[in-house]
Amino acid sequence: MKIKATHPGKILKKKFLDGKGVSAYRLSMEIGISQMTISRIVRGERGISVEMAVRLAKFLNTSPKYWLELQNEYDIEVAQHELRSELKNIKKF
């Protein structure tokens, strides 16, 4: 089973950074977060927290819910993938 959901960091990079010509450095300076943190998000090594969602939403003219829904969708799919063998043993109520 392959994970279909896209990490929000990839969307951040493709749609907002590359798509609008904004560097990770500029984003980090504009929202007051270290460039390393932005790089880790873009590489899919770190998720989007509520605080980060609020910061990204303000600068990128989106909503915090947009970022949190992307993160939740990704997290759910990863959890289902990781727990797939255990989930098979759980009977429905």
Protein backbone atom coordinates (compact mmCIF):
# COMPACT_ATOMS: atom_id res chain seq x y z
CA MET A 1 0.00 0.00 0.00
CA LYS A 2 1.43 3.32 -1.03
CA ILE A 3 0.65 6.57 0.72
CA LYS A 4 -1.41 8.75 -1.61
CA ALA A 5 -1.63 11.91 0.47
CA THR A 6 1.02 14.51 -0.20
CA HIS A 7 3.05 15.94 2.64
CA PRO A 8 2.08 19.61 3.07
CA GLY A 9 5.75 20.57 2.75
CA LYS A 10 5.76 19.39 -0.85
CA ILE A 11 2.69 21.50 -1.56
CA LEU A 12 4.33 24.46 0.17
CA LYS A 13 7.40 24.09 -2.03
CA LYS A 14 5.71 23.43 -5.36
CA LYS A 15 2.67 25.68 -5.19
CA PHE A 16 3.87 28.55 -3.03
CA LEU A 17 7.66 28.74 -3.01
CA ASP A 18 8.52 27.55 -6.53
CA GLY A 19 5.16 28.65 -7.93
CA LYS A 20 5.49 32.22 -6.68
CA GLY A 21 9.26 32.54 -6.75
CA VAL A 22 9.66 32.78 -2.98
CA SER A 23 12.77 31.31 -1.41
CA ALA A 24 12.72 29.28 1.78
CA TYR A 25 15.02 31.94 3.23
CA ARG A 26 12.55 34.74 2.47
CA LEU A 27 9.66 32.74 3.86
CA SER A 28 11.60 32.05 7.04
CA MET A 29 12.42 35.74 7.48
CA GLU A 30 8.87 36.90 6.74
CA ILE A 31 7.21 34.53 9.22
CA GLY A 32 9.91 34.56 11.92
CA ILE A 33 10.92 30.90 11.71
CA SER A 34 14.38 29.46 11.13
CA GLN A 35 15.34 28.52 7.60
CA MET A 36 16.21 25.04 8.89
CA THR A 37 12.63 24.56 10.09
CA ILE A 38 11.24 25.60 6.71
CA SER A 39 13.71 23.28 4.96
CA ARG A 40 12.66 20.36 7.17
CA ILE A 41 8.99 21.01 6.38
CA VAL A 42 9.68 21.25 2.64
CA ARG A 43 11.62 17.96 2.75
CA GLY A 44 8.72 16.27 4.56
CA GLU A 45 10.74 15.73 7.73
CA ARG A 46 8.56 17.95 9.88
CA GLY A 47 4.83 18.52 10.00
CA ILE A 48 2.77 21.68 10.06
CA SER A 49 1.82 22.70 13.60
CA VAL A 50 -1.09 24.98 14.45
CA GLU A 51 1.34 27.85 15.02
CA MET A 52 3.06 27.21 11.70
CA ALA A 53 -0.31 27.00 9.92
CA VAL A 54 -1.25 30.43 11.29
CA ARG A 55 2.08 31.93 10.19
CA LEU A 56 1.95 30.37 6.71
CA ALA A 57 -1.68 31.40 6.25
CA LYS A 58 -0.92 35.03 7.08
CA PHE A 59 2.02 35.36 4.70
CA LEU A 60 0.69 33.19 1.88
CA ASN A 61 -2.88 34.53 2.02
CA THR A 62 -4.44 31.16 2.78
CA SER A 63 -6.28 29.88 5.84
CA PRO A 64 -4.74 28.01 8.76
CA LYS A 65 -7.35 25.29 8.16
CA TYR A 66 -5.93 24.71 4.67
CA TRP A 67 -2.54 23.74 6.12
CA LEU A 68 -3.97 21.76 9.02
CA GLU A 69 -6.31 19.78 6.79
CA LEU A 70 -3.39 18.89 4.50
CA GLN A 71 -1.37 17.80 7.54
CA ASN A 72 -4.27 15.81 9.04
CA GLU A 73 -4.95 14.01 5.77
CA TYR A 74 -1.29 13.09 5.48
CA ASP A 75 -1.01 11.99 9.13
CA ILE A 76 -4.12 9.81 8.92
CA GLU A 77 -2.89 8.06 5.81
CA VAL A 78 0.56 7.46 7.32
CA ALA A 79 -1.02 6.04 10.49
CA GLN A 80 -3.31 3.74 8.50
CA HIS A 81 -0.32 2.53 6.50
CA GLU A 82 1.81 1.92 9.59
CA LEU A 83 -1.00 0.20 11.49
CA ARG A 84 -2.45 -1.79 8.59
CA SER A 85 -1.61 -5.23 9.99
CA GLU A 86 -2.94 -4.33 13.46
CA LEU A 87 -6.09 -2.77 12.02
CA LYS A 88 -6.94 -6.04 10.27
CA ASN A 89 -7.36 -7.66 13.69
CA ILE A 90 -9.79 -5.06 15.00
CA LYS A 91 -13.40 -6.10 14.60
CA LYS A 92 -16.05 -3.54 13.76
CA PHE A 93 -18.60 -2.75 16.43
